[in-house]
Amino acid sequence: TRLEAGAEPVLLTGEMVFSWMADDYAWLRPLKGAANLLAAKEDWGHVYNRSALASGTSPVAALVAYDDVYVERTFSEETAELLGGFPRVRLWVSNYFQHSGISDHPDAFLKLDEMGRWDEPQLV
C-alpha cells in the first residue's frame, strides 16, 4: 500500500478520493468497482449552467478562509463573480475560521444569515 516504507508519501488529499484508497481503506473496498467506472468516464457534460447561476436573484453569503486547506480563496472569489458578485454575493473573508468554520463555530452562521438578508442591495 501507499503507507509502506519506501512508498511515495501520502499528501494532504482534503475531500478527494483516489483509486488507491479502495485498497488501503477497508470501508471503501465495496465501492472500488463503481469508483473505477466513474474514474474511467470521459464524456462528462457541464456540471453547472453558468448563465442560470449568473441570472439568479437569491442573496448569497459565504464564509471564505484566506488560507483554506481545501479550497483556494481565489476559486471562491471567482465563484462569487460567476454568481453576479456584489451586492448579490457577500463574502466574509477571514482566517479566523477554516474550512469547517460553521461546524466549529455555529454562531458564524448567524452573521452569514444576517449578511444574506436585505430588502435592497446595500453596502455592508
N, C-alpha and C. Protein backbone atom coordinates (compact mmCIF):
# COMPACT_ATOMS: atom_id res chain seq x y z
N THR A 1 0.84 -1.19 0.00
CA THR A 1 0.00 0.00 0.00
C THR A 1 0.87 1.25 0.00
N ARG A 2 0.24 2.39 -0.10
CA ARG A 2 0.97 3.66 -0.13
C ARG A 2 1.55 4.01 1.24
N LEU A 3 1.19 3.28 2.28
CA LEU A 3 1.67 3.59 3.61
C LEU A 3 2.88 2.76 4.01
N GLU A 4 3.35 1.91 3.15
CA GLU A 4 4.51 1.07 3.45
C GLU A 4 5.80 1.86 3.31
N ALA A 5 6.86 1.41 4.01
CA ALA A 5 8.16 2.05 3.93
C ALA A 5 8.64 2.08 2.48
N GLY A 6 9.14 3.23 2.04
CA GLY A 6 9.66 3.37 0.69
C GLY A 6 8.61 3.78 -0.33
N ALA A 7 7.34 3.76 0.04
CA ALA A 7 6.28 4.17 -0.89
C ALA A 7 6.28 5.69 -1.02
N GLU A 8 5.67 6.20 -2.08
CA GLU A 8 5.54 7.64 -2.23
C GLU A 8 4.78 8.19 -1.03
N PRO A 9 5.10 9.41 -0.59
CA PRO A 9 4.40 9.97 0.57
C PRO A 9 2.93 10.22 0.26
N VAL A 10 2.10 10.11 1.28
CA VAL A 10 0.68 10.44 1.15
C VAL A 10 0.55 11.92 1.45
N LEU A 11 0.12 12.69 0.47
CA LEU A 11 -0.03 14.12 0.63
C LEU A 11 -1.45 14.44 1.08
N LEU A 12 -1.65 15.63 1.62
CA LEU A 12 -2.98 16.06 2.04
C LEU A 12 -3.93 15.95 0.87
N THR A 13 -5.00 15.19 1.04
CA THR A 13 -5.94 14.99 -0.05
C THR A 13 -7.25 15.74 0.15
N GLY A 14 -7.43 16.32 1.30
CA GLY A 14 -8.67 17.07 1.54
C GLY A 14 -9.89 16.20 1.36
N GLU A 15 -10.76 16.62 0.49
CA GLU A 15 -12.03 15.93 0.28
C GLU A 15 -11.99 15.05 -0.97
N MET A 16 -10.81 14.74 -1.44
CA MET A 16 -10.67 13.94 -2.65
C MET A 16 -10.49 12.47 -2.29
N VAL A 17 -10.96 11.61 -3.17
CA VAL A 17 -10.78 10.17 -3.01
C VAL A 17 -10.03 9.68 -4.24
N PHE A 18 -8.98 8.93 -4.02
CA PHE A 18 -8.17 8.39 -5.11
C PHE A 18 -8.39 6.89 -5.22
N SER A 19 -8.14 6.33 -6.40
CA SER A 19 -8.40 4.92 -6.64
C SER A 19 -7.64 4.02 -5.67
N TRP A 20 -6.42 4.37 -5.31
CA TRP A 20 -5.63 3.53 -4.41
C TRP A 20 -6.24 3.44 -3.02
N MET A 21 -7.12 4.39 -2.67
CA MET A 21 -7.74 4.37 -1.34
C MET A 21 -8.66 3.16 -1.16
N ALA A 22 -9.20 2.63 -2.25
CA ALA A 22 -10.05 1.43 -2.15
C ALA A 22 -9.23 0.23 -1.71
N ASP A 23 -7.93 0.26 -1.94
CA ASP A 23 -7.07 -0.82 -1.47
C ASP A 23 -6.62 -0.59 -0.03
N ASP A 24 -6.43 0.67 0.35
CA ASP A 24 -5.91 0.99 1.68
C ASP A 24 -6.99 1.09 2.75
N TYR A 25 -8.20 1.45 2.39
CA TYR A 25 -9.26 1.65 3.37
C TYR A 25 -10.34 0.60 3.17
N ALA A 26 -10.48 -0.28 4.15
CA ALA A 26 -11.39 -1.41 4.04
C ALA A 26 -12.83 -0.97 3.74
N TRP A 27 -13.27 0.11 4.33
CA TRP A 27 -14.66 0.55 4.14
C TRP A 27 -14.92 1.07 2.73
N LEU A 28 -13.88 1.34 1.97
CA LEU A 28 -14.06 1.77 0.57
C LEU A 28 -14.00 0.60 -0.42
N ARG A 29 -13.52 -0.55 0.02
CA ARG A 29 -13.36 -1.68 -0.90
C ARG A 29 -14.64 -2.06 -1.64
N PRO A 30 -15.81 -2.06 -0.99
CA PRO A 30 -17.03 -2.41 -1.73
C PRO A 30 -17.36 -1.41 -2.85
N LEU A 31 -16.79 -0.24 -2.81
CA LEU A 31 -17.08 0.79 -3.80
C LEU A 31 -16.04 0.87 -4.92
N LYS A 32 -15.02 0.01 -4.86
CA LYS A 32 -13.92 0.10 -5.81
C LYS A 32 -14.38 -0.03 -7.26
N GLY A 33 -15.24 -0.97 -7.56
CA GLY A 33 -15.72 -1.14 -8.93
C GLY A 33 -16.43 0.09 -9.44
N ALA A 34 -17.32 0.64 -8.64
CA ALA A 34 -18.05 1.85 -9.03
C ALA A 34 -17.10 3.01 -9.19
N ALA A 35 -16.14 3.13 -8.30
CA ALA A 35 -15.17 4.23 -8.37
C ALA A 35 -14.34 4.14 -9.65
N ASN A 36 -13.94 2.94 -10.02
CA ASN A 36 -13.16 2.77 -11.25
C ASN A 36 -13.98 3.11 -12.49
N LEU A 37 -15.26 2.77 -12.48
CA LEU A 37 -16.13 3.13 -13.61
C LEU A 37 -16.25 4.64 -13.74
N LEU A 38 -16.46 5.31 -12.62
CA LEU A 38 -16.57 6.77 -12.65
C LEU A 38 -15.26 7.43 -13.07
N ALA A 39 -14.14 6.89 -12.59
CA ALA A 39 -12.83 7.46 -12.93
C ALA A 39 -12.53 7.30 -14.42
N ALA A 40 -13.02 6.23 -15.04
CA ALA A 40 -12.76 5.99 -16.45
C ALA A 40 -13.67 6.79 -17.38
N LYS A 41 -14.76 7.31 -16.85
CA LYS A 41 -15.72 8.05 -17.67
C LYS A 41 -15.08 9.34 -18.16
N GLU A 42 -15.18 9.59 -19.45
CA GLU A 42 -14.55 10.79 -20.04
C GLU A 42 -15.55 11.73 -20.71
N ASP A 43 -16.80 11.34 -20.79
CA ASP A 43 -17.77 12.17 -21.52
C ASP A 43 -18.72 12.93 -20.59
N TRP A 44 -18.16 13.47 -19.50
CA TRP A 44 -18.98 14.24 -18.58
C TRP A 44 -19.47 15.51 -19.26
N GLY A 45 -20.71 15.83 -19.07
CA GLY A 45 -21.26 17.08 -19.58
C GLY A 45 -20.93 18.21 -18.61
N HIS A 46 -21.50 19.37 -18.85
CA HIS A 46 -21.31 20.50 -17.94
C HIS A 46 -22.03 20.21 -16.63
N VAL A 47 -21.36 20.45 -15.54
CA VAL A 47 -21.95 20.20 -14.23
C VAL A 47 -22.88 21.35 -13.84
N TYR A 48 -22.49 22.58 -14.19
CA TYR A 48 -23.27 23.76 -13.84
C TYR A 48 -23.63 24.54 -15.09
N ASN A 49 -24.78 25.17 -15.06
CA ASN A 49 -25.21 26.06 -16.13
C ASN A 49 -24.84 27.48 -15.69
N ARG A 50 -23.75 28.01 -16.26
CA ARG A 50 -23.22 29.31 -15.84
C ARG A 50 -24.24 30.43 -15.99
N SER A 51 -24.99 30.45 -17.08
CA SER A 51 -25.94 31.54 -17.28
C SER A 51 -27.07 31.47 -16.25
N ALA A 52 -27.49 30.25 -15.90
CA ALA A 52 -28.53 30.11 -14.87
C ALA A 52 -28.02 30.59 -13.52
N LEU A 53 -26.77 30.26 -13.20
CA LEU A 53 -26.20 30.71 -11.93
C LEU A 53 -26.10 32.23 -11.90
N ALA A 54 -25.65 32.83 -12.99
CA ALA A 54 -25.46 34.28 -13.04
C ALA A 54 -26.78 35.03 -13.01
N SER A 55 -27.85 34.41 -13.49
CA SER A 55 -29.14 35.12 -13.56
C SER A 55 -29.97 34.95 -12.30
N GLY A 56 -29.47 34.24 -11.31
CA GLY A 56 -30.21 34.05 -10.07
C GLY A 56 -30.43 35.37 -9.34
N THR A 57 -31.43 35.39 -8.49
CA THR A 57 -31.74 36.61 -7.75
C THR A 57 -31.65 36.43 -6.24
N SER A 58 -31.44 35.21 -5.77
CA SER A 58 -31.36 34.97 -4.33
C SER A 58 -30.08 35.56 -3.77
N PRO A 59 -30.15 36.17 -2.59
CA PRO A 59 -28.93 36.67 -1.97
C PRO A 59 -28.03 35.51 -1.54
N VAL A 60 -26.74 35.75 -1.58
CA VAL A 60 -25.75 34.72 -1.24
C VAL A 60 -24.76 35.31 -0.24
N ALA A 61 -24.48 34.58 0.81
CA ALA A 61 -23.45 34.96 1.77
C ALA A 61 -22.56 33.75 2.00
N ALA A 62 -21.25 33.97 2.02
CA ALA A 62 -20.33 32.85 2.17
C ALA A 62 -19.16 33.21 3.07
N LEU A 63 -18.75 32.26 3.86
CA LEU A 63 -17.55 32.39 4.68
C LEU A 63 -16.39 31.79 3.91
N VAL A 64 -15.37 32.59 3.66
CA VAL A 64 -14.22 32.18 2.86
C VAL A 64 -12.96 32.39 3.70
N ALA A 65 -12.14 31.35 3.81
CA ALA A 65 -10.88 31.49 4.55
C ALA A 65 -9.78 31.94 3.59
N TYR A 66 -8.95 32.88 4.05
CA TYR A 66 -7.81 33.32 3.24
C TYR A 66 -6.95 32.13 2.84
N ASP A 67 -6.69 31.27 3.79
CA ASP A 67 -5.77 30.15 3.57
C ASP A 67 -6.47 28.81 3.83
N ASP A 68 -7.64 28.60 3.25
CA ASP A 68 -8.37 27.35 3.42
C ASP A 68 -7.51 26.18 2.93
N VAL A 69 -7.47 25.11 3.70
CA VAL A 69 -6.63 23.98 3.33
C VAL A 69 -7.23 23.15 2.19
N TYR A 70 -8.50 23.37 1.87
CA TYR A 70 -9.15 22.58 0.82
C TYR A 70 -9.53 23.39 -0.41
N VAL A 71 -9.90 24.64 -0.24
CA VAL A 71 -10.41 25.44 -1.35
C VAL A 71 -9.57 26.72 -1.48
N GLU A 72 -9.00 26.93 -2.65
CA GLU A 72 -8.25 28.16 -2.90
C GLU A 72 -9.20 29.35 -2.79
N ARG A 73 -8.78 30.36 -2.06
CA ARG A 73 -9.61 31.55 -1.87
C ARG A 73 -10.04 32.13 -3.22
N THR A 74 -9.13 32.15 -4.17
CA THR A 74 -9.46 32.72 -5.48
C THR A 74 -10.58 31.96 -6.17
N PHE A 75 -10.68 30.64 -5.93
CA PHE A 75 -11.79 29.87 -6.51
C PHE A 75 -13.13 30.35 -5.94
N SER A 76 -13.14 30.62 -4.64
CA SER A 76 -14.36 31.11 -4.01
C SER A 76 -14.72 32.49 -4.55
N GLU A 77 -13.71 33.34 -4.72
CA GLU A 77 -13.95 34.68 -5.24
C GLU A 77 -14.44 34.63 -6.69
N GLU A 78 -13.87 33.73 -7.49
CA GLU A 78 -14.32 33.57 -8.87
C GLU A 78 -15.75 33.06 -8.93
N THR A 79 -16.10 32.16 -8.02
CA THR A 79 -17.46 31.66 -7.97
C THR A 79 -18.43 32.78 -7.60
N ALA A 80 -18.03 33.63 -6.66
CA ALA A 80 -18.87 34.77 -6.28
C ALA A 80 -19.13 35.67 -7.49
N GLU A 81 -18.11 35.90 -8.30
CA GLU A 81 -18.28 36.71 -9.51
C GLU A 81 -19.18 36.01 -10.51
N LEU A 82 -19.05 34.70 -10.63
CA LEU A 82 -19.90 33.92 -11.52
C LEU A 82 -21.37 34.08 -11.13
N LEU A 83 -21.63 34.21 -9.83
CA LEU A 83 -23.00 34.36 -9.34
C LEU A 83 -23.50 35.80 -9.44
N GLY A 84 -22.67 36.69 -9.93
CA GLY A 84 -23.09 38.08 -10.10
C GLY A 84 -22.35 39.07 -9.24
N GLY A 85 -21.55 38.57 -8.31
CA GLY A 85 -20.75 39.46 -7.48
C GLY A 85 -21.58 40.32 -6.53
N PHE A 86 -20.92 41.31 -5.97
CA PHE A 86 -21.57 42.22 -5.03
C PHE A 86 -22.55 43.10 -5.81
N PRO A 87 -23.72 43.43 -5.33
CA PRO A 87 -24.20 43.25 -3.96
C PRO A 87 -24.94 41.93 -3.72
N ARG A 88 -25.23 41.14 -4.78
CA ARG A 88 -25.95 39.88 -4.56
C ARG A 88 -25.15 38.92 -3.70
N VAL A 89 -23.86 38.86 -3.93
CA VAL A 89 -22.99 37.92 -3.21
C VAL A 89 -22.12 38.69 -2.24
N ARG A 90 -22.17 38.29 -1.00
CA ARG A 90 -21.36 38.93 0.03
C ARG A 90 -20.45 37.89 0.66
N LEU A 91 -19.17 38.17 0.60
CA LEU A 91 -18.17 37.25 1.14
C LEU A 91 -17.65 37.78 2.48
N TRP A 92 -17.55 36.89 3.43
CA TRP A 92 -16.89 37.18 4.70
C TRP A 92 -15.56 36.44 4.62
N VAL A 93 -14.51 37.18 4.30
CA VAL A 93 -13.19 36.58 4.11
C VAL A 93 -12.39 36.77 5.39
N SER A 94 -11.93 35.66 5.96
CA SER A 94 -11.25 35.71 7.25
C SER A 94 -10.37 34.47 7.40
N ASN A 95 -9.36 34.57 8.21
CA ASN A 95 -8.57 33.39 8.57
C ASN A 95 -8.91 32.93 9.99
N TYR A 96 -9.87 33.60 10.62
CA TYR A 96 -10.26 33.19 11.96
C TYR A 96 -10.89 31.80 11.91
N PHE A 97 -11.64 31.53 10.86
CA PHE A 97 -12.28 30.24 10.67
C PHE A 97 -11.55 29.50 9.57
N GLN A 98 -11.64 28.21 9.58
CA GLN A 98 -11.11 27.41 8.49
C GLN A 98 -12.27 26.73 7.77
N HIS A 99 -11.99 25.72 7.01
CA HIS A 99 -12.97 25.06 6.16
C HIS A 99 -14.21 24.62 6.94
N SER A 100 -14.05 24.24 8.17
CA SER A 100 -15.17 23.76 8.99
C SER A 100 -15.71 24.85 9.92
N GLY A 101 -15.54 26.09 9.53
CA GLY A 101 -15.89 27.23 10.40
C GLY A 101 -17.29 27.20 10.95
N ILE A 102 -18.28 26.92 10.11
CA ILE A 102 -19.66 26.94 10.60
C ILE A 102 -19.92 25.77 11.53
N SER A 103 -19.29 24.63 11.29
CA SER A 103 -19.46 23.48 12.19
C SER A 103 -18.77 23.73 13.52
N ASP A 104 -17.57 24.33 13.45
CA ASP A 104 -16.80 24.57 14.67
C ASP A 104 -17.34 25.75 15.48
N HIS A 105 -17.93 26.71 14.79
CA HIS A 105 -18.44 27.94 15.42
C HIS A 105 -19.82 28.24 14.87
N PRO A 106 -20.86 27.56 15.40
CA PRO A 106 -22.21 27.74 14.85
C PRO A 106 -22.69 29.19 14.84
N ASP A 107 -22.18 30.03 15.74
CA ASP A 107 -22.59 31.43 15.75
C ASP A 107 -22.19 32.15 14.46
N ALA A 108 -21.20 31.63 13.76
CA ALA A 108 -20.80 32.24 12.49
C ALA A 108 -21.96 32.21 11.51
N PHE A 109 -22.82 31.22 11.61
CA PHE A 109 -23.98 31.15 10.72
C PHE A 109 -24.89 32.35 10.91
N LEU A 110 -25.00 32.84 12.15
CA LEU A 110 -25.87 33.99 12.41
C LEU A 110 -25.40 35.21 11.62
N LYS A 111 -24.08 35.42 11.58
CA LYS A 111 -23.56 36.55 10.81
C LYS A 111 -23.81 36.34 9.32
N LEU A 112 -23.60 35.12 8.82
CA LEU A 112 -23.85 34.84 7.42
C LEU A 112 -25.33 35.03 7.08
N ASP A 113 -26.19 34.60 7.97
CA ASP A 113 -27.62 34.77 7.76
C ASP A 113 -27.96 36.26 7.67
N GLU A 114 -27.38 37.05 8.55
CA GLU A 114 -27.61 38.50 8.52
C GLU A 114 -27.06 39.11 7.23
N MET A 115 -25.89 38.67 6.81
CA MET A 115 -25.29 39.19 5.58
C MET A 115 -26.15 38.89 4.35
N GLY A 116 -26.86 37.78 4.39
CA GLY A 116 -27.66 37.36 3.25
C GLY A 116 -29.07 37.90 3.24
N ARG A 117 -29.40 38.76 4.19
CA ARG A 117 -30.75 39.33 4.26
C ARG A 117 -30.71 40.82 3.97
N TRP A 118 -31.49 41.24 2.97
CA TRP A 118 -31.65 42.67 2.72
C TRP A 118 -32.84 42.86 1.80
N ASP A 119 -33.49 44.00 1.95
CA ASP A 119 -34.61 44.33 1.08
C ASP A 119 -34.11 44.91 -0.23
N GLU A 120 -33.13 45.77 -0.14
CA GLU A 120 -32.49 46.35 -1.31
C GLU A 120 -31.00 46.18 -1.15
N PRO A 121 -30.28 45.96 -2.23
CA PRO A 121 -28.82 45.84 -2.12
C PRO A 121 -28.23 47.07 -1.45
N GLN A 122 -27.37 46.84 -0.51
CA GLN A 122 -26.73 47.94 0.21
C GLN A 122 -25.31 47.55 0.57
N LEU A 123 -24.50 48.53 0.85
CA LEU A 123 -23.12 48.26 1.26
C LEU A 123 -23.13 47.69 2.66
N VAL A 124 -22.22 46.76 2.93
CA VAL A 124 -22.09 46.22 4.29
C VAL A 124 -20.77 46.65 4.87
